Amino acid sequence: MARRRFLGLLGFGTGVFAGGVLYRRSTGRRRDRVDLYFDDGSMVSFVEGSPEAEKLLPVARDVITAARR
């Protein structure tokens, strides 16, 4: 009886955890970013709202739009 109760609680906990993960993914605000890769293997990422990203994001959006046509 104790084993069955334990497995029930484990299943319930797993379901709550999975539901929380799905909820966070679906309601999280998507923020655009620009990743710049260099020849030496390094990378810099600029998130939406930074001055660098504000210059590069419109160009990147235009490129993506043109590539999808």
PDB file of N, CA and C in Angstrom:
ATOM      1  N   MET A   1       0.827  -1.200   0.000  1.00  0.00           N
ATOM      2  CA  MET A   1       0.000   0.000   0.000  1.00  0.00           C
ATOM      3  C   MET A   1       0.866   1.258   0.000  1.00  0.00           C
ATOM      4  N   ALA A   2       1.963   1.224   0.798  1.00  0.00           N
ATOM      5  CA  ALA A   2       2.839   2.393   0.872  1.00  0.00           C
ATOM      6  C   ALA A   2       3.541   2.630  -0.453  1.00  0.00           C
ATOM      7  N   ARG A   3       3.896   1.532  -1.154  1.00  0.00           N
ATOM      8  CA  ARG A   3       4.573   1.662  -2.436  1.00  0.00           C
ATOM      9  C   ARG A   3       3.640   2.305  -3.474  1.00  0.00           C
ATOM     10  N   ARG A   4       2.395   1.897  -3.459  1.00  0.00           N
ATOM     11  CA  ARG A   4       1.426   2.436  -4.403  1.00  0.00           C
ATOM     12  C   ARG A   4       1.192   3.930  -4.143  1.00  0.00           C
ATOM     13  N   ARG A   5       1.130   4.297  -2.893  1.00  0.00           N
ATOM     14  CA  ARG A   5       0.942   5.706  -2.536  1.00  0.00           C
ATOM     15  C   ARG A   5       2.161   6.529  -2.962  1.00  0.00           C
ATOM     16  N   PHE A   6       3.356   5.962  -2.737  1.00  0.00           N
ATOM     17  CA  PHE A   6       4.577   6.648  -3.138  1.00  0.00           C
ATOM     18  C   PHE A   6       4.610   6.871  -4.643  1.00  0.00           C
ATOM     19  N   LEU A   7       4.260   5.827  -5.404  1.00  0.00           N
ATOM     20  CA  LEU A   7       4.264   5.966  -6.864  1.00  0.00           C
ATOM     21  C   LEU A   7       3.218   6.987  -7.329  1.00  0.00           C
ATOM     22  N   GLY A   8       2.079   7.036  -6.657  1.00  0.00           N
ATOM     23  CA  GLY A   8       1.065   8.032  -6.990  1.00  0.00           C
ATOM     24  C   GLY A   8       1.555   9.448  -6.742  1.00  0.00           C
ATOM     25  N   LEU A   9       2.195   9.650  -5.599  1.00  0.00           N
ATOM     26  CA  LEU A   9       2.745  10.978  -5.292  1.00  0.00           C
ATOM     27  C   LEU A   9       3.870  11.352  -6.248  1.00  0.00           C
ATOM     28  N   LEU A  10       4.699  10.364  -6.606  1.00  0.00           N
ATOM     29  CA  LEU A  10       5.780  10.619  -7.557  1.00  0.00           C
ATOM     30  C   LEU A  10       5.211  11.023  -8.916  1.00  0.00           C
ATOM     31  N   GLY A  11       4.191  10.332  -9.375  1.00  0.00           N
ATOM     32  CA  GLY A  11       3.545  10.675 -10.645  1.00  0.00           C
ATOM     33  C   GLY A  11       2.912  12.055 -10.600  1.00  0.00           C
ATOM     34  N   PHE A  12       2.259  12.365  -9.499  1.00  0.00           N
ATOM     35  CA  PHE A  12       1.652  13.682  -9.345  1.00  0.00           C
ATOM     36  C   PHE A  12       2.711  14.779  -9.364  1.00  0.00           C
ATOM     37  N   GLY A  13       3.803  14.575  -8.643  1.00  0.00           N
ATOM     38  CA  GLY A  13       4.888  15.557  -8.613  1.00  0.00           C
ATOM     39  C   GLY A  13       5.524  15.758  -9.976  1.00  0.00           C
ATOM     40  N   THR A  14       5.698  14.659 -10.702  1.00  0.00           N
ATOM     41  CA  THR A  14       6.260  14.753 -12.048  1.00  0.00           C
ATOM     42  C   THR A  14       5.328  15.541 -12.964  1.00  0.00           C
ATOM     43  N   GLY A  15       4.032  15.305 -12.840  1.00  0.00           N
ATOM     44  CA  GLY A  15       3.066  16.043 -13.650  1.00  0.00           C
ATOM     45  C   GLY A  15       3.055  17.527 -13.339  1.00  0.00           C
ATOM     46  N   VAL A  16       3.145  17.862 -12.060  1.00  0.00           N
ATOM     47  CA  VAL A  16       3.179  19.273 -11.666  1.00  0.00           C
ATOM     48  C   VAL A  16       4.435  19.940 -12.212  1.00  0.00           C
ATOM     49  N   PHE A  17       5.560  19.259 -12.119  1.00  0.00           N
ATOM     50  CA  PHE A  17       6.817  19.812 -12.633  1.00  0.00           C
ATOM     51  C   PHE A  17       6.737  20.025 -14.148  1.00  0.00           C
ATOM     52  N   ALA A  18       6.265  19.012 -14.882  1.00  0.00           N
ATOM     53  CA  ALA A  18       6.161  19.128 -16.336  1.00  0.00           C
ATOM     54  C   ALA A  18       5.189  20.247 -16.727  1.00  0.00           C
ATOM     55  N   GLY A  19       4.091  20.363 -16.004  1.00  0.00           N
ATOM     56  CA  GLY A  19       3.146  21.438 -16.279  1.00  0.00           C
ATOM     57  C   GLY A  19       3.748  22.806 -16.044  1.00  0.00           C
ATOM     58  N   GLY A  20       4.552  22.930 -14.996  1.00  0.00           N
ATOM     59  CA  GLY A  20       5.221  24.202 -14.722  1.00  0.00           C
ATOM     60  C   GLY A  20       6.191  24.587 -15.818  1.00  0.00           C
ATOM     61  N   VAL A  21       6.933  23.600 -16.308  1.00  0.00           N
ATOM     62  CA  VAL A  21       7.886  23.871 -17.395  1.00  0.00           C
ATOM     63  C   VAL A  21       7.141  24.314 -18.651  1.00  0.00           C
ATOM     64  N   LEU A  22       6.092  23.614 -19.008  1.00  0.00           N
ATOM     65  CA  LEU A  22       5.315  23.995 -20.198  1.00  0.00           C
ATOM     66  C   LEU A  22       4.682  25.372 -20.046  1.00  0.00           C
ATOM     67  N   TYR A  23       4.195  25.670 -18.863  1.00  0.00           N
ATOM     68  CA  TYR A  23       3.595  26.983 -18.624  1.00  0.00           C
ATOM     69  C   TYR A  23       4.622  28.094 -18.778  1.00  0.00           C
ATOM     70  N   ARG A  24       5.814  27.905 -18.230  1.00  0.00           N
ATOM     71  CA  ARG A  24       6.851  28.931 -18.336  1.00  0.00           C
ATOM     72  C   ARG A  24       7.275  29.137 -19.777  1.00  0.00           C
ATOM     73  N   ARG A  25       7.363  28.058 -20.535  1.00  0.00           N
ATOM     74  CA  ARG A  25       7.753  28.190 -21.938  1.00  0.00           C
ATOM     75  C   ARG A  25       6.694  28.906 -22.760  1.00  0.00           C
ATOM     76  N   SER A  26       5.447  28.655 -22.475  1.00  0.00           N
ATOM     77  CA  SER A  26       4.384  29.245 -23.291  1.00  0.00           C
ATOM     78  C   SER A  26       4.088  30.693 -22.920  1.00  0.00           C
ATOM     79  N   THR A  27       4.335  31.087 -21.677  1.00  0.00           N
ATOM     80  CA  THR A  27       4.010  32.449 -21.270  1.00  0.00           C
ATOM     81  C   THR A  27       5.224  33.362 -21.196  1.00  0.00           C
ATOM     82  N   GLY A  28       6.399  32.814 -21.326  1.00  0.00           N
ATOM     83  CA  GLY A  28       7.599  33.636 -21.247  1.00  0.00           C
ATOM     84  C   GLY A  28       7.681  34.599 -22.414  1.00  0.00           C
ATOM     85  N   ARG A  29       8.072  35.810 -22.145  1.00  0.00           N
ATOM     86  CA  ARG A  29       8.186  36.814 -23.201  1.00  0.00           C
ATOM     87  C   ARG A  29       9.401  36.489 -24.051  1.00  0.00           C
ATOM     88  N   ARG A  30       9.192  36.436 -25.333  1.00  0.00           N
ATOM     89  CA  ARG A  30      10.281  36.150 -26.259  1.00  0.00           C
ATOM     90  C   ARG A  30      11.046  37.436 -26.520  1.00  0.00           C
ATOM     91  N   ARG A  31      12.324  37.412 -26.252  1.00  0.00           N
ATOM     92  CA  ARG A  31      13.158  38.583 -26.500  1.00  0.00           C
ATOM     93  C   ARG A  31      14.104  38.274 -27.646  1.00  0.00           C
ATOM     94  N   ASP A  32      14.105  39.163 -28.628  1.00  0.00           N
ATOM     95  CA  ASP A  32      15.023  38.994 -29.746  1.00  0.00           C
ATOM     96  C   ASP A  32      16.435  39.310 -29.296  1.00  0.00           C
ATOM     97  N   ARG A  33      17.384  38.711 -29.982  1.00  0.00           N
ATOM     98  CA  ARG A  33      18.788  38.974 -29.686  1.00  0.00           C
ATOM     99  C   ARG A  33      19.602  38.808 -30.953  1.00  0.00           C
ATOM    100  N   VAL A  34      20.768  39.398 -30.950  1.00  0.00           N
ATOM    101  CA  VAL A  34      21.698  39.290 -32.060  1.00  0.00           C
ATOM    102  C   VAL A  34      22.945  38.608 -31.528  1.00  0.00           C
ATOM    103  N   ASP A  35      23.333  37.494 -32.158  1.00  0.00           N
ATOM    104  CA  ASP A  35      24.562  36.794 -31.796  1.00  0.00           C
ATOM    105  C   ASP A  35      25.587  37.048 -32.888  1.00  0.00           C
ATOM    106  N   LEU A  36      26.739  37.562 -32.502  1.00  0.00           N
ATOM    107  CA  LEU A  36      27.835  37.802 -33.440  1.00  0.00           C
ATOM    108  C   LEU A  36      28.935  36.786 -33.172  1.00  0.00           C
ATOM    109  N   TYR A  37      29.292  36.033 -34.208  1.00  0.00           N
ATOM    110  CA  TYR A  37      30.339  35.022 -34.098  1.00  0.00           C
ATOM    111  C   TYR A  37      31.584  35.531 -34.812  1.00  0.00           C
ATOM    112  N   PHE A  38      32.738  35.333 -34.204  1.00  0.00           N
ATOM    113  CA  PHE A  38      34.004  35.801 -34.756  1.00  0.00           C
ATOM    114  C   PHE A  38      34.855  34.620 -35.199  1.00  0.00           C
ATOM    115  N   ASP A  39      35.845  34.905 -36.051  1.00  0.00           N
ATOM    116  CA  ASP A  39      36.715  33.854 -36.589  1.00  0.00           C
ATOM    117  C   ASP A  39      37.494  33.104 -35.518  1.00  0.00           C
ATOM    118  N   ASP A  40      37.786  33.761 -34.417  1.00  0.00           N
ATOM    119  CA  ASP A  40      38.566  33.093 -33.370  1.00  0.00           C
ATOM    120  C   ASP A  40      37.715  32.184 -32.493  1.00  0.00           C
ATOM    121  N   GLY A  41      36.412  32.061 -32.815  1.00  0.00           N
ATOM    122  CA  GLY A  41      35.529  31.177 -32.070  1.00  0.00           C
ATOM    123  C   GLY A  41      34.753  31.865 -30.964  1.00  0.00           C
ATOM    124  N   SER A  42      34.996  33.130 -30.731  1.00  0.00           N
ATOM    125  CA  SER A  42      34.277  33.837 -29.674  1.00  0.00           C
ATOM    126  C   SER A  42      32.921  34.320 -30.194  1.00  0.00           C
ATOM    127  N   MET A  43      32.047  34.668 -29.272  1.00  0.00           N
ATOM    128  CA  MET A  43      30.711  35.118 -29.614  1.00  0.00           C
ATOM    129  C   MET A  43      30.289  36.218 -28.653  1.00  0.00           C
ATOM    130  N   VAL A  44      29.553  37.187 -29.179  1.00  0.00           N
ATOM    131  CA  VAL A  44      28.955  38.239 -28.369  1.00  0.00           C
ATOM    132  C   VAL A  44      27.471  38.239 -28.669  1.00  0.00           C
ATOM    133  N   SER A  45      26.651  38.329 -27.634  1.00  0.00           N
ATOM    134  CA  SER A  45      25.207  38.341 -27.795  1.00  0.00           C
ATOM    135  C   SER A  45      24.652  39.659 -27.266  1.00  0.00           C
ATOM    136  N   PHE A  46      23.858  40.325 -28.089  1.00  0.00           N
ATOM    137  CA  PHE A  46      23.214  41.573 -27.703  1.00  0.00           C
ATOM    138  C   PHE A  46      21.714  41.329 -27.606  1.00  0.00           C
ATOM    139  N   VAL A  47      21.129  41.610 -26.454  1.00  0.00           N
ATOM    140  CA  VAL A  47      19.694  41.390 -26.267  1.00  0.00           C
ATOM    141  C   VAL A  47      18.918  42.637 -26.659  1.00  0.00           C
ATOM    142  N   GLU A  48      17.651  42.415 -26.957  1.00  0.00           N
ATOM    143  CA  GLU A  48      16.765  43.506 -27.330  1.00  0.00           C
ATOM    144  C   GLU A  48      16.745  44.563 -26.224  1.00  0.00           C
ATOM    145  N   GLY A  49      16.920  45.800 -26.624  1.00  0.00           N
ATOM    146  CA  GLY A  49      16.948  46.894 -25.659  1.00  0.00           C
ATOM    147  C   GLY A  49      18.328  47.502 -25.501  1.00  0.00           C
ATOM    148  N   SER A  50      19.364  46.750 -25.869  1.00  0.00           N
ATOM    149  CA  SER A  50      20.711  47.317 -25.786  1.00  0.00           C
ATOM    150  C   SER A  50      20.955  48.194 -27.011  1.00  0.00           C
ATOM    151  N   PRO A  51      21.814  49.200 -26.890  1.00  0.00           N
ATOM    152  CA  PRO A  51      22.064  50.103 -28.030  1.00  0.00           C
ATOM    153  C   PRO A  51      22.593  49.374 -29.266  1.00  0.00           C
ATOM    154  N   GLU A  52      23.441  48.375 -29.047  1.00  0.00           N
ATOM    155  CA  GLU A  52      24.000  47.621 -30.177  1.00  0.00           C
ATOM    156  C   GLU A  52      22.913  46.848 -30.909  1.00  0.00           C
ATOM    157  N   ALA A  53      22.027  46.208 -30.127  1.00  0.00           N
ATOM    158  CA  ALA A  53      20.956  45.415 -30.734  1.00  0.00           C
ATOM    159  C   ALA A  53      19.962  46.307 -31.469  1.00  0.00           C
ATOM    160  N   GLU A  54      19.718  47.490 -30.961  1.00  0.00           N
ATOM    161  CA  GLU A  54      18.774  48.393 -31.622  1.00  0.00           C
ATOM    162  C   GLU A  54      19.263  48.785 -33.005  1.00  0.00           C
ATOM    163  N   LYS A  55      20.564  48.788 -33.205  1.00  0.00           N
ATOM    164  CA  LYS A  55      21.127  49.087 -34.532  1.00  0.00           C
ATOM    165  C   LYS A  55      21.070  47.872 -35.448  1.00  0.00           C
ATOM    166  N   LEU A  56      21.280  46.673 -34.883  1.00  0.00           N
ATOM    167  CA  LEU A  56      21.409  45.473 -35.703  1.00  0.00           C
ATOM    168  C   LEU A  56      20.103  44.718 -35.934  1.00  0.00           C
ATOM    169  N   LEU A  57      19.158  44.791 -35.016  1.00  0.00           N
ATOM    170  CA  LEU A  57      17.922  44.015 -35.146  1.00  0.00           C
ATOM    171  C   LEU A  57      17.095  44.363 -36.380  1.00  0.00           C
ATOM    172  N   PRO A  58      16.927  45.635 -36.750  1.00  0.00           N
ATOM    173  CA  PRO A  58      16.155  45.913 -37.977  1.00  0.00           C
ATOM    174  C   PRO A  58      16.799  45.291 -39.222  1.00  0.00           C
ATOM    175  N   VAL A  59      18.110  45.326 -39.297  1.00  0.00           N
ATOM    176  CA  VAL A  59      18.807  44.722 -40.433  1.00  0.00           C
ATOM    177  C   VAL A  59      18.604  43.209 -40.429  1.00  0.00           C
ATOM    178  N   ALA A  60      18.725  42.597 -39.263  1.00  0.00           N
ATOM    179  CA  ALA A  60      18.549  41.150 -39.154  1.00  0.00           C
ATOM    180  C   ALA A  60      17.123  40.743 -39.516  1.00  0.00           C
ATOM    181  N   ARG A  61      16.143  41.519 -39.101  1.00  0.00           N
ATOM    182  CA  ARG A  61      14.748  41.205 -39.443  1.00  0.00           C
ATOM    183  C   ARG A  61      14.521  41.299 -40.951  1.00  0.00           C
ATOM    184  N   ASP A  62      15.130  42.298 -41.587  1.00  0.00           N
ATOM    185  CA  ASP A  62      15.014  42.429 -43.040  1.00  0.00           C
ATOM    186  C   ASP A  62      15.631  41.227 -43.753  1.00  0.00           C
ATOM    187  N   VAL A  63      16.771  40.765 -43.283  1.00  0.00           N
ATOM    188  CA  VAL A  63      17.449  39.616 -43.880  1.00  0.00           C
ATOM    189  C   VAL A  63      16.588  38.361 -43.734  1.00  0.00           C
ATOM    190  N   ILE A  64      16.019  38.163 -42.554  1.00  0.00           N
ATOM    191  CA  ILE A  64      15.189  36.982 -42.318  1.00  0.00           C
ATOM    192  C   ILE A  64      13.930  37.029 -43.193  1.00  0.00           C
ATOM    193  N   THR A  65      13.326  38.195 -43.314  1.00  0.00           N
ATOM    194  CA  THR A  65      12.136  38.352 -44.152  1.00  0.00           C
ATOM    195  C   THR A  65      12.466  38.040 -45.613  1.00  0.00           C
ATOM    196  N   ALA A  66      13.593  38.547 -46.088  1.00  0.00           N
ATOM    197  CA  ALA A  66      13.997  38.294 -47.482  1.00  0.00           C
ATOM    198  C   ALA A  66      14.314  36.820 -47.715  1.00  0.00           C
ATOM    199  N   ALA A  67      14.886  36.158 -46.721  1.00  0.00           N
ATOM    200  CA  ALA A  67      15.235  34.750 -46.871  1.00  0.00           C
ATOM    201  C   ALA A  67      14.006  33.852 -46.886  1.00  0.00           C
ATOM    202  N   ARG A  68      12.928  34.275 -46.281  1.00  0.00           N
ATOM    203  CA  ARG A  68      11.710  33.454 -46.228  1.00  0.00           C
ATOM    204  C   ARG A  68      10.838  33.595 -47.469  1.00  0.00           C
ATOM    205  N   ARG A  69      11.166  34.512 -48.348  1.00  0.00           N
ATOM    206  CA  ARG A  69      10.365  34.707 -49.576  1.00  0.00           C
ATOM    207  C   ARG A  69      10.687  33.697 -50.619  1.00  0.00           C
TER     208      ARG A  69
END
